[in-house]
Protein backbone atom coordinates (compact mmCIF):
# COMPACT_ATOMS: atom_id res chain seq x y z
CA MET A 1 58.62 -117.31 -33.90
CA THR A 2 54.92 -118.07 -34.39
CA LEU A 3 52.85 -120.35 -32.19
CA GLU A 4 53.15 -123.02 -34.89
CA ASP A 5 56.95 -122.77 -34.85
CA TYR A 6 56.86 -122.78 -31.05
CA LYS A 7 55.38 -126.29 -31.06
CA ILE A 8 58.51 -127.69 -32.72
CA TRP A 9 60.90 -125.69 -30.53
CA TYR A 10 59.02 -126.77 -27.41
CA THR A 11 59.34 -130.48 -28.17
CA ILE A 12 63.09 -130.15 -28.79
CA ASP A 13 63.94 -128.00 -25.75
CA GLU A 14 63.86 -130.07 -22.55
CA GLY A 15 64.59 -127.23 -20.13
CA HIS A 16 62.26 -125.93 -17.44
CA TRP A 17 62.41 -124.32 -13.99
CA TYR A 18 63.70 -127.48 -12.34
CA VAL A 19 62.77 -127.93 -8.69
CA SER A 20 63.66 -130.60 -6.13
CA LYS A 21 61.07 -133.34 -6.38
CA VAL A 22 59.41 -133.53 -2.98
CA LYS A 23 55.79 -134.37 -2.32
CA GLN A 24 54.70 -130.88 -1.34
CA TYR A 25 55.95 -127.35 -0.73
CA LYS A 26 53.87 -126.32 2.24
CA PRO A 27 54.67 -125.33 5.88
CA SER A 28 54.34 -128.85 7.32
CA ALA A 29 56.72 -130.23 4.70
CA ILE A 30 59.32 -127.51 5.36
CA GLN A 31 59.07 -128.20 9.09
CA LYS A 32 59.64 -131.91 8.45
CA PHE A 33 62.90 -131.12 6.65
CA ALA A 34 63.92 -128.90 9.57
CA LYS A 35 63.41 -131.81 11.99
CA GLY A 36 65.34 -134.12 9.66
CA LEU A 37 68.22 -131.66 9.53
CA ALA A 38 68.30 -131.57 13.34
CA ILE A 39 68.75 -135.36 13.38
CA ILE A 40 71.54 -135.17 10.80
CA ALA A 41 73.24 -132.42 12.83
CA ASN A 42 73.00 -134.51 16.03
CA VAL A 43 74.78 -137.36 14.27
CA ILE A 44 77.53 -135.53 12.36
CA ASN A 45 78.28 -133.21 15.31
CA ALA A 46 78.08 -135.91 17.98
CA GLU A 47 80.68 -135.35 20.68
CA LYS A 48 82.73 -138.21 22.07
CA ASP A 49 80.97 -139.86 25.06
CA SER A 50 77.56 -138.46 23.99
CA GLU A 51 74.64 -140.89 23.78
CA MET A 52 74.35 -140.35 20.02
CA TYR A 53 78.06 -141.07 19.53
CA LYS A 54 77.97 -144.23 21.68
CA GLY A 55 74.77 -145.37 19.98
CA TYR A 56 76.28 -144.99 16.53
CA PHE A 57 79.44 -146.97 17.35
CA LEU A 58 77.37 -149.74 18.90
CA PHE A 59 75.25 -149.77 15.73
CA LYS A 60 78.05 -150.09 13.15
CA PRO A 61 80.07 -153.32 12.67
CA LYS A 62 82.82 -153.90 15.24
CA GLU A 63 85.48 -154.50 12.59
CA GLU A 64 84.67 -151.10 11.11
CA ASN A 65 85.14 -149.47 14.50
CA LYS A 66 88.76 -150.60 14.39
CA LEU A 67 89.22 -148.63 11.18
CA PHE A 68 87.78 -145.48 12.71
CA PRO A 69 89.42 -144.45 15.99
CA GLU A 70 87.10 -143.07 18.67
CA GLU A 71 88.41 -139.54 18.25
CA LYS A 72 87.27 -139.55 14.63
CA LYS A 73 84.26 -137.58 13.48
CA ILE A 74 81.19 -139.55 12.32
CA LEU A 75 81.44 -139.70 8.55
CA ILE A 76 78.67 -139.87 5.99
CA ASP A 77 78.86 -143.50 4.90
CA GLU A 78 76.52 -146.47 4.50
CA TYR A 79 76.44 -147.03 8.28
CA SER A 80 75.69 -143.46 9.35
CA VAL A 81 73.16 -143.01 6.53
CA LEU A 82 71.15 -146.02 7.68
CA PHE A 83 71.57 -144.89 11.32
CA ILE A 84 70.20 -141.44 10.40
CA CYS A 85 67.24 -142.94 8.52
CA LEU A 86 66.40 -145.17 11.46
CA ASN A 87 66.31 -142.04 13.61
CA PHE A 88 64.05 -140.46 10.97
CA LEU A 89 61.80 -143.46 11.46
CA LEU A 90 61.73 -143.00 15.25
CA GLU A 91 60.74 -139.33 14.81
CA ASN A 92 57.96 -140.27 12.32
CA LEU A 93 59.52 -138.24 9.49
CA LEU A 94 58.76 -140.94 6.91
CA ASP A 95 55.00 -140.24 6.91
CA GLN A 96 53.98 -143.60 8.33
CA SER A 97 50.28 -142.67 8.49
CA HIS A 98 50.30 -142.21 4.70
CA LEU A 99 52.26 -145.45 4.38
CA GLU A 100 49.71 -147.29 6.51
CA ALA A 101 46.92 -146.17 4.19
CA THR A 102 48.71 -146.86 0.90
CA ASN A 103 51.11 -149.77 1.57
CA PHE A 104 50.18 -151.64 4.74
CA GLU A 105 52.76 -154.39 4.22
CA LYS A 106 55.61 -151.85 4.06
CA PHE A 107 54.12 -150.02 7.03
CA GLN A 108 54.26 -153.22 9.08
CA GLU A 109 57.89 -153.84 8.03
CA PHE A 110 58.85 -150.30 9.02
CA SER A 111 57.07 -150.69 12.37
CA THR A 112 59.05 -153.88 13.04
CA ILE A 113 62.33 -152.18 12.04
CA GLN A 114 61.52 -149.28 14.36
CA ARG A 115 60.94 -151.67 17.28
CA GLU A 116 64.15 -153.58 16.54
CA PHE A 117 66.18 -150.38 16.40
CA LEU A 118 64.79 -149.32 19.79
CA GLU A 119 65.84 -152.74 21.12
CA GLY A 120 69.45 -151.97 20.13
CA LYS A 121 69.81 -154.16 17.03
CA ASN A 122 72.87 -153.19 14.98
CA TYR A 123 73.79 -152.74 11.31
CA GLU A 124 74.77 -156.38 10.78
CA TYR A 125 71.43 -157.55 12.16
CA PHE A 126 69.44 -155.36 9.78
CA ILE A 127 71.58 -156.32 6.77
CA ASN A 128 71.30 -160.04 7.52
CA LYS A 129 67.55 -159.90 8.10
CA TYR A 130 66.41 -157.43 5.41
CA THR A 131 69.32 -157.42 2.89
CA LYS A 132 71.42 -154.42 1.95
CA LYS A 133 69.40 -153.84 -1.25
CA TYR A 134 66.11 -153.59 0.62
CA LEU A 135 67.49 -151.17 3.19
CA THR A 136 69.10 -149.04 0.49
CA ASP A 137 66.04 -148.95 -1.75
CA GLU A 138 63.38 -148.63 0.92
CA LEU A 139 64.98 -146.82 3.86
CA SER A 140 68.33 -145.14 3.07
CA VAL A 141 66.68 -143.46 0.09
CA TYR A 142 65.02 -141.07 2.54
CA TYR A 143 68.41 -139.68 3.54
CA ARG A 144 69.23 -139.05 -0.13
CA ASN A 145 65.94 -137.18 -0.51
CA PHE A 146 66.61 -135.05 2.57
CA LYS A 147 70.21 -134.41 1.48
CA SER A 148 69.13 -133.33 -2.01
CA TRP A 149 66.48 -130.91 -0.79
CA LEU A 150 68.53 -129.48 2.08
CA GLY A 151 71.53 -128.99 -0.22
CA LYS A 152 69.61 -127.35 -3.04
CA PHE A 153 68.22 -124.74 -0.67
CA GLY A 154 71.48 -124.06 1.15
CA PHE A 155 70.94 -125.71 4.52
CA TYR A 156 73.39 -128.64 4.35
CA GLY A 157 76.43 -129.80 2.41
CA GLU A 158 78.90 -132.67 2.18
CA TYR A 159 82.60 -132.71 1.40
CA GLU A 160 84.32 -135.30 -0.74
CA ASN A 161 86.06 -136.78 2.32
CA LYS A 162 82.65 -137.85 3.70
CA THR A 163 82.42 -135.14 6.33
CA ALA A 164 79.42 -132.81 6.30
CA PHE A 165 78.40 -129.37 7.51
CA ILE A 166 75.37 -127.33 8.44
CA THR A 167 75.22 -123.77 7.08
CA GLU A 168 74.24 -120.66 9.05
CA MET A 169 70.72 -120.85 7.62
CA GLY A 170 70.69 -124.56 8.38
CA TYR A 171 71.28 -123.89 12.07
CA GLU A 172 68.56 -121.22 11.97
CA LEU A 173 66.20 -123.83 10.51
CA ILE A 174 67.15 -126.34 13.23
CA GLU A 175 66.69 -123.78 16.00
CA ASN A 176 63.19 -122.93 14.76
CA ARG A 177 62.07 -126.46 13.82
CA GLY A 178 59.29 -126.34 16.43
CA ASN A 179 57.71 -123.28 14.82
CA SER A 180 56.04 -123.87 11.46
CA GLU A 181 55.72 -120.14 10.64
CA LYS A 182 59.40 -119.45 11.29
CA CYS A 183 60.45 -122.46 9.21
CA SER A 184 58.31 -121.14 6.37
CA ALA A 185 59.83 -117.66 6.68
CA LEU A 186 63.36 -119.12 6.52
CA PHE A 187 62.50 -121.19 3.47
CA SER A 188 60.91 -118.16 1.78
CA HIS A 189 64.19 -116.29 2.35
CA GLN A 190 66.10 -119.12 0.64
CA VAL A 191 63.69 -119.20 -2.30
CA LYS A 192 64.32 -115.51 -2.93
CA LYS A 193 68.08 -116.12 -3.05
CA PHE A 194 67.75 -119.28 -5.16
CA GLN A 195 69.00 -119.17 -8.73
CA LEU A 196 68.72 -121.48 -11.69
CA TRP A 197 71.21 -122.73 -12.93
CA ASN A 198 73.39 -123.73 -9.94
CA PRO A 199 75.83 -126.65 -9.41
CA THR A 200 73.29 -128.79 -7.50
CA ILE A 201 71.29 -129.11 -10.72
CA LYS A 202 72.03 -131.13 -13.86
CA GLU A 203 74.19 -129.55 -16.54
CA LYS A 204 71.38 -129.72 -19.11
CA TYR A 205 69.74 -126.76 -17.32
CA ARG A 206 72.88 -124.63 -17.48
CA ASP A 207 71.54 -122.24 -20.13
CA TYR A 208 69.03 -120.93 -17.56
CA LYS A 209 70.28 -117.70 -15.90
CA ILE A 210 67.37 -116.72 -13.66
CA ARG A 211 66.22 -116.06 -10.11
CA PRO A 212 62.84 -117.86 -10.38
CA TYR A 213 61.07 -116.08 -7.50
CA TYR A 214 61.67 -112.64 -8.97
CA LEU A 215 61.10 -113.71 -12.56
CA LEU A 216 57.71 -115.12 -11.62
CA LEU A 217 56.78 -111.76 -10.09
CA GLU A 218 58.04 -109.97 -13.22
CA VAL A 219 55.89 -112.12 -15.47
CA LEU A 220 52.77 -111.81 -13.31
CA GLY A 221 53.19 -108.04 -13.11
CA LYS A 222 53.10 -107.82 -16.90
CA LEU A 223 50.35 -110.33 -17.70
CA PRO A 224 46.80 -109.10 -18.36
CA ASP A 225 44.81 -109.23 -15.10
CA ARG A 226 47.98 -110.56 -13.38
CA TRP A 227 47.22 -114.27 -13.43
CA PHE A 228 48.30 -117.42 -15.27
CA SER A 229 47.02 -120.97 -15.49
CA LYS A 230 48.96 -124.16 -14.83
CA ILE A 231 48.91 -124.98 -18.54
CA GLU A 232 50.22 -121.50 -19.43
CA TYR A 233 53.02 -121.97 -16.95
CA ALA A 234 53.96 -125.39 -18.40
CA LEU A 235 53.77 -124.15 -21.99
CA PHE A 236 55.39 -120.73 -21.75
CA ILE A 237 56.62 -119.44 -18.37
CA THR A 238 58.81 -122.38 -17.32
CA LYS A 239 60.70 -121.95 -20.64
CA ILE A 240 61.91 -118.40 -19.88
CA LYS A 241 65.69 -118.62 -19.50
CA SER A 242 66.76 -115.10 -18.55
CA HIS A 243 65.55 -111.79 -17.15
CA ASN A 244 65.96 -110.22 -20.59
CA GLU A 245 62.97 -107.94 -21.20
CA ARG A 246 62.59 -109.04 -24.82
CA ILE A 247 62.53 -112.73 -23.95
CA ILE A 248 59.92 -112.16 -21.23
CA ALA A 249 57.83 -110.02 -23.61
CA ASP A 250 57.91 -112.76 -26.29
CA GLN A 251 56.56 -115.39 -23.89
CA ILE A 252 53.88 -113.04 -22.59
CA GLU A 253 52.82 -112.40 -26.18
CA PHE A 254 52.49 -116.16 -26.70
CA ILE A 255 50.27 -116.35 -23.59
CA LYS A 256 48.06 -113.56 -24.98
CA GLN A 257 47.73 -115.42 -28.31
CA TRP A 258 46.98 -118.62 -26.42
CA ARG A 259 44.14 -116.93 -24.54
CA GLU A 260 42.59 -115.82 -27.80
CA LEU A 261 42.12 -119.47 -28.82
CA SER A 262 38.86 -121.21 -28.02
CA PRO A 263 38.98 -124.17 -25.59
CA GLU A 264 38.68 -126.52 -28.58
CA GLU A 265 41.59 -124.77 -30.36
CA GLN A 266 43.71 -124.92 -27.21
CA GLN A 267 43.11 -128.66 -26.88
CA LYS A 268 43.96 -129.13 -30.56
CA PHE A 269 47.22 -127.20 -30.00
CA ILE A 270 48.19 -129.53 -27.12
CA ASP A 271 47.22 -132.65 -29.09
CA GLU A 272 49.38 -131.52 -32.02
CA LEU A 273 52.22 -130.67 -29.66
CA ASN A 274 52.14 -134.16 -28.15
CA PHE A 275 51.84 -135.76 -31.59
CA ILE A 276 54.98 -133.94 -32.84
CA ASP A 277 56.81 -134.94 -29.67
CA LYS A 278 55.91 -138.63 -29.93
CA LYS A 279 56.86 -138.69 -33.59
CA LYS A 280 60.25 -137.02 -33.05
CA PHE A 281 61.19 -138.76 -29.80
CA ARG A 282 59.71 -142.25 -29.78
CA ARG A 283 61.81 -143.40 -26.81
CA ARG A 284 60.63 -140.69 -24.45
CA PRO A 285 58.44 -142.19 -21.72
CA ARG A 286 56.36 -138.98 -21.67
CA THR A 287 56.07 -135.97 -23.92
CA ASN A 288 57.72 -132.71 -22.87
CA PHE A 289 54.35 -131.11 -22.25
CA ASN A 290 53.05 -133.91 -20.02
CA ARG A 291 56.32 -134.00 -18.10
CA LEU A 292 56.39 -130.24 -17.51
CA LEU A 293 52.68 -130.09 -16.70
CA ASP A 294 53.34 -132.70 -14.02
CA SER A 295 56.20 -130.56 -12.59
CA ALA A 296 54.31 -127.28 -12.85
CA SER A 297 52.41 -127.39 -9.54
CA LYS A 298 55.55 -128.05 -7.48
CA GLU A 299 57.57 -125.45 -9.35
CA ILE A 300 54.91 -122.79 -8.81
CA ASP A 301 54.42 -123.74 -5.14
CA CYS A 302 58.18 -123.57 -4.57
CA TYR A 303 59.16 -120.45 -6.52
CA GLY A 304 56.00 -118.64 -5.52
CA TYR A 305 56.48 -119.46 -1.83
CA GLY A 306 55.94 -116.56 0.51
CA GLY A 307 52.34 -115.39 -0.02
CA LEU A 308 52.52 -113.05 -3.02
CA ILE A 309 51.26 -115.72 -5.43
CA GLU A 310 48.00 -117.44 -4.50
CA LYS A 311 45.61 -119.95 -5.99
CA GLY A 312 42.55 -118.06 -7.18
CA GLU A 313 38.94 -118.57 -6.21
CA GLY A 314 35.60 -117.86 -7.89
CA LEU A 315 36.21 -116.48 -11.39
CA TYR A 316 39.92 -117.20 -10.90
CA GLN A 317 39.43 -120.82 -9.84
CA GLY A 318 42.31 -122.96 -11.15
CA LYS A 319 44.51 -119.90 -11.78
CA TYR A 320 47.49 -118.42 -9.96
CA ILE A 321 47.08 -114.75 -9.13
CA LEU A 322 49.32 -111.95 -7.89
CA ALA A 323 47.91 -111.24 -4.42
CA ASP A 324 49.56 -107.87 -3.81
CA TYR A 325 50.84 -105.97 -6.86
CA ASP A 326 52.37 -103.05 -4.93
CA LYS A 327 54.29 -105.33 -2.58
CA ALA A 328 55.51 -107.40 -5.52
CA MET A 329 56.79 -104.29 -7.29
CA ASN A 330 58.56 -103.19 -4.10
CA GLU A 331 60.27 -106.58 -3.94
CA LEU A 332 61.36 -106.25 -7.56
CA ASN A 333 62.75 -102.78 -6.87
CA LEU A 334 64.96 -104.31 -4.18
CA PHE A 335 66.16 -106.94 -6.63
CA SER A 336 69.61 -105.78 -7.78
CA THR A 337 69.95 -105.87 -11.56
CA GLY A 338 73.73 -105.86 -11.26
CA ALA A 339 73.84 -109.18 -9.44
CA ARG A 340 70.83 -111.06 -10.75
CA PHE A 341 72.74 -114.16 -11.74
CA ILE A 342 76.25 -115.24 -10.74
CA GLU A 343 78.10 -118.27 -12.04
CA PHE A 344 79.02 -120.86 -9.41
CA GLU A 345 81.24 -123.70 -10.61
CA LYS A 346 81.55 -125.59 -7.31
CA LYS A 347 78.58 -127.07 -5.47
CA LEU A 348 80.02 -126.13 -2.07
CA ASP A 349 80.51 -122.49 -3.14
CA TRP A 350 76.83 -122.36 -4.07
CA ILE A 351 75.66 -124.01 -0.84
CA ALA A 352 77.90 -121.73 1.26
CA HIS A 353 76.47 -118.65 -0.50
CA LEU A 354 72.86 -119.72 -0.24
CA GLY A 355 73.38 -120.87 3.33
CA SER A 356 74.89 -117.62 4.61
CA LYS A 357 72.68 -115.22 6.53
CA GLN A 358 73.85 -112.18 4.62
CA GLY A 359 74.55 -113.60 1.17
CA LEU A 360 77.32 -112.31 -1.06
CA SER A 361 78.98 -108.97 -0.57
CA ILE A 362 79.77 -106.92 -3.65
CA ASP A 363 83.44 -107.94 -3.26
CA ASP A 364 82.44 -111.62 -3.14
CA ILE A 365 80.49 -111.13 -6.35
CA LEU A 366 83.56 -109.64 -7.98
CA ASP A 367 85.68 -112.58 -6.79
CA LEU A 368 83.27 -115.01 -8.43
CA TYR A 369 83.33 -113.09 -11.70
CA LEU A 370 87.13 -113.09 -11.72
CA ALA A 371 87.32 -116.77 -10.79
CA ASN A 372 85.16 -117.60 -13.80
CA GLY A 373 87.41 -115.76 -16.23
CA VAL A 374 85.08 -112.84 -16.93
CA SER A 375 86.88 -109.97 -18.65
CA LEU A 376 87.79 -106.77 -16.86
CA GLU A 377 85.80 -104.83 -19.48
CA PHE A 378 82.68 -106.85 -18.69
CA ILE A 379 83.05 -106.23 -14.95
CA ASN A 380 83.53 -102.50 -15.49
CA ASP A 381 80.36 -102.38 -17.56
CA GLU A 382 78.38 -104.62 -15.18
CA PHE A 383 79.18 -102.40 -12.20
CA LYS A 384 79.40 -99.06 -14.00
CA ASN A 385 77.15 -97.43 -11.41
CA ASN A 386 79.37 -98.52 -8.51
CA GLN A 387 82.51 -96.38 -8.69
CA SER A 388 84.01 -97.70 -5.43
CA LEU A 389 83.78 -101.24 -6.75
CA LYS A 390 85.38 -100.24 -10.06
CA ASP A 391 88.21 -98.68 -8.09
CA SER A 392 88.83 -101.96 -6.24
CA ILE A 393 88.91 -104.16 -9.33
CA GLN A 394 92.62 -103.73 -9.96
CA ASP A 395 93.36 -104.54 -6.30
CA LYS A 396 91.38 -107.75 -6.56
CA ILE A 397 93.14 -108.77 -9.75
CA TYR A 398 96.48 -108.02 -8.06
CA GLU A 399 95.58 -110.33 -5.18
CA LYS A 400 94.63 -113.06 -7.64
CA GLU A 401 98.01 -112.67 -9.37
CA ILE A 402 99.82 -113.18 -6.06
CA GLU A 403 97.66 -116.20 -5.29
CA GLU A 404 98.33 -117.64 -8.75
CA TYR A 405 102.06 -117.15 -8.31
CA TYR A 406 102.30 -118.96 -4.97
CA VAL A 407 100.00 -121.79 -5.99
CA ASN A 408 102.63 -122.56 -8.61
CA ASN A 409 105.63 -121.69 -6.41
CA ILE A 410 104.47 -122.86 -2.99
CA LYS A 411 107.95 -124.04 -1.96
CA GLU A 412 109.10 -120.44 -1.88
CA ILE A 413 106.91 -120.07 1.20
CA HIS A 414 108.15 -123.34 2.75
CA LYS A 415 110.23 -126.08 1.12
CA ASP A 416 108.10 -128.94 2.50
CA LEU A 417 104.70 -127.67 1.31
CA GLU A 418 102.55 -129.07 -1.48
CA VAL A 419 99.20 -127.62 -2.54
CA LEU A 420 96.41 -130.01 -1.62
CA THR A 421 94.92 -131.98 -4.51
CA LYS A 422 92.56 -134.38 -2.66
CA PRO A 423 89.73 -134.48 -1.68
CA THR A 424 89.53 -131.22 -3.62
CA TYR A 425 91.95 -128.68 -5.01
CA GLY A 426 93.61 -126.52 -2.35
CA ARG A 427 93.32 -123.14 -4.04
CA GLN A 428 90.27 -121.25 -2.75
CA TYR A 429 89.33 -124.40 -0.84
CA SER A 430 85.60 -124.26 -0.13
CA THR A 431 84.32 -124.25 3.44
CA HIS A 432 80.99 -123.04 4.78
CA ILE A 433 82.77 -120.24 6.67
CA GLY A 434 84.53 -118.94 3.57
CA PRO A 435 87.20 -120.05 1.07
CA ILE A 436 90.75 -120.81 2.24
CA ASP A 437 93.27 -119.02 0.00
CA ILE A 438 95.69 -121.96 -0.31
CA LEU A 439 95.33 -125.21 1.64
CA CYS A 440 98.60 -127.16 1.71
CA PHE A 441 100.07 -130.34 3.14
CA ASP A 442 103.50 -130.63 4.78
CA VAL A 443 105.06 -133.74 3.22
CA ILE A 444 107.44 -134.20 6.17
CA THR A 445 105.14 -133.71 9.18
CA ASN A 446 101.90 -134.78 7.42
CA GLU A 447 100.17 -131.67 8.76
CA TYR A 448 97.71 -129.39 6.99
CA VAL A 449 99.04 -125.88 6.46
CA ILE A 450 96.84 -122.87 5.59
CA CYS A 451 98.38 -119.97 3.68
CA GLU A 452 96.37 -116.75 4.08
CA LEU A 453 97.43 -114.14 1.50
CA LYS A 454 97.23 -110.35 1.60
CA ARG A 455 98.52 -108.02 -1.10
CA GLY A 456 99.88 -105.36 1.22
CA GLN A 457 100.24 -104.88 4.95
CA THR A 458 98.67 -107.64 7.02
CA SER A 459 96.63 -106.63 10.06
CA ASP A 460 95.79 -108.49 13.27
CA GLU A 461 92.29 -109.17 11.85
CA THR A 462 93.99 -111.64 9.52
CA VAL A 463 95.16 -113.64 12.56
CA GLY A 464 91.53 -114.18 13.59
CA GLN A 465 90.62 -115.18 10.04
CA LEU A 466 93.53 -117.63 9.88
CA LEU A 467 92.67 -119.16 13.27
CA ARG A 468 89.06 -119.59 12.14
CA TYR A 469 90.16 -121.56 9.07
CA MET A 470 92.65 -123.58 11.13
CA GLY A 471 89.84 -124.53 13.50
CA TRP A 472 87.64 -125.59 10.58
CA VAL A 473 90.37 -127.81 9.10
CA LYS A 474 91.09 -129.30 12.55
CA LYS A 475 87.43 -130.23 12.97
CA HIS A 476 86.62 -131.41 9.46
CA LEU A 477 89.84 -132.81 7.97
CA VAL A 478 92.14 -133.93 10.81
CA PHE A 479 91.39 -137.30 12.36
CA ASP A 480 94.81 -138.36 13.66
CA GLY A 481 95.39 -135.76 16.35
CA LYS A 482 97.95 -133.76 14.38
CA ASN A 483 98.20 -129.98 14.52
CA VAL A 484 97.05 -127.60 11.83
CA ARG A 485 99.52 -124.85 10.98
CA GLY A 486 99.03 -121.45 9.40
CA ILE A 487 101.23 -119.02 7.50
CA LEU A 488 100.42 -115.33 7.08
CA VAL A 489 101.65 -114.18 3.69
CA GLY A 490 101.88 -110.43 3.16
CA ALA A 491 104.10 -107.60 1.97
CA ASP A 492 104.43 -106.22 5.50
CA PHE A 493 103.23 -107.01 9.03
CA ASN A 494 102.20 -104.40 11.57
CA GLU A 495 103.00 -104.50 15.27
CA LYS A 496 99.47 -105.54 16.25
CA ILE A 497 100.03 -108.99 14.74
CA ASP A 498 102.90 -109.70 17.14
CA TYR A 499 100.71 -108.71 20.10
CA SER A 500 97.88 -110.93 18.81
CA LEU A 501 100.20 -113.92 18.62
CA LEU A 502 101.73 -113.12 22.00
CA GLY A 503 98.23 -112.98 23.45
CA MET A 504 97.76 -116.66 22.63
CA GLN A 505 100.25 -117.29 25.51
CA ASN A 506 101.74 -120.32 23.83
CA SER A 507 105.52 -120.65 23.81
CA GLU A 508 105.33 -122.63 20.56
CA VAL A 509 102.97 -120.29 18.72
CA ASP A 510 105.71 -119.52 16.17
CA LYS A 511 105.67 -123.22 15.21
CA ILE A 512 101.92 -123.10 14.64
CA ILE A 513 101.58 -119.71 12.92
CA GLY A 514 104.36 -118.38 10.72
CA LYS A 515 104.87 -115.20 8.71
CA PHE A 516 106.20 -114.89 5.18
CA ASN A 517 106.99 -111.63 3.40
CA HIS A 518 106.23 -111.64 -0.31
CA PRO A 519 108.22 -109.17 -2.45
CA PHE A 520 105.36 -107.87 -4.58
CA ASN A 521 104.00 -104.32 -4.77
CA ASP A 522 102.38 -102.02 -7.34
CA ASN A 523 105.70 -101.58 -9.13
CA ASN A 524 106.72 -105.22 -8.86
CA ARG A 525 103.75 -107.38 -9.88
CA PRO A 526 103.99 -111.21 -9.91
CA PRO A 527 105.08 -112.68 -13.25
CA GLN A 528 102.26 -114.07 -15.40
CA ILE A 529 101.93 -117.80 -14.87
CA LYS A 530 100.27 -120.38 -17.05
CA LYS A 531 97.16 -121.58 -15.22
CA ARG A 532 97.63 -124.77 -13.26
CA ASN A 533 95.65 -127.88 -14.19
CA LYS A 534 93.42 -128.75 -11.25
CA ASN A 535 93.22 -132.36 -12.32
């Protein structure tokens, strides 16, 4: 493709290194999100009889309180969202000084709302005085902005049943919210793990398979004099869609050709680019170039966060430079080529991965490949330098076969069980502490039942894992006081399991945790089953 051909391709292709649209990516902004997350955590984790809990139930309409018993967790709904945003307002997280300078009328309204909230005015008062539309458009929107940013970078997530969770990294961010440097370090860690595409981003960006932080270092390391301009980023770098060496080399070659043009020729190129765009897409409010140029600064600030990419001075004024080449190359050497990009289909899986302190293990990576229908041959080739992983592939597939069998034959484990279908599908049910193998519902007792599967002998460690998931379901899904039950499913159970259960010192433990022997082994694999429709 020549530069002339590139003009046409550029106007047609709308992709770029999408980033969450916040005002700035700088330490003070990251710290503000940390403080906002702390407020959200205080609300969604409010214990009964706490001041936050009492304040919330005084705030929401009395008739709604009847629908939500006191033992129920605070859900993410229109009442709690407004309550959270009013707390944002009290903590000055809505940048009121900027508002005072740019929109004094709105600043005065917000000051009045803040005073009224401190006086104990409730939801109905605010709705009647300011209207629901005003509060949604002008105040609750801040929660949506916080939620979007915190979710995209793995600090916070919401379930379909309106409960929410804070990830491991989210709690780290909350704990360090008073320290700007530590907040920045935590965000830098998340940026390095971030990948594009992921399920928090629109489907139109799905053909991107990159880790932006590392790709930016790759590009800078190969560019002449190791710098790029904002225009070069918007024209060429933000369009790179993979870590493929050839694709990167092609875009770098375009940048070299671009630099050979005189300033007048470069301006002519941009004018022609915009002319083609306007002619082809008359309904676009802005041309692709103008839109991506506007996004460029935030994308660079975000994906270059951490100090290795700096804004130049002197001869490099207006350019972005690689501050430390050796350190950048060391970072790239630590960047595993075998796991550069992994497909995540569920938003919660992505948030749980990004929000974990350790990230994915090599076995977790394999699980994701298998879950997305990648062929065994592809996996063998992808991990050809990891013999131990290759040796475990068949074991993993075997476990998936057992899981597939019991998802479709759950009543063999217990006649009253049904696999959960709402709020989400019960197979590999996503939680921020790991996926539940099969989450079921007992149609007679109306209790949640967790089935934890093992291919062979089940150890006492599985009891701890099962109890952890039972605790999570109890906290996040059960609001009527009912028990959560668990069933250990394995080919055999060792003696340690019985001692673990006995150690709970509960005479009814066998009613809470059961055991089920499956008949499968290496010589008796589960029959192949047509995949179940999740819808």
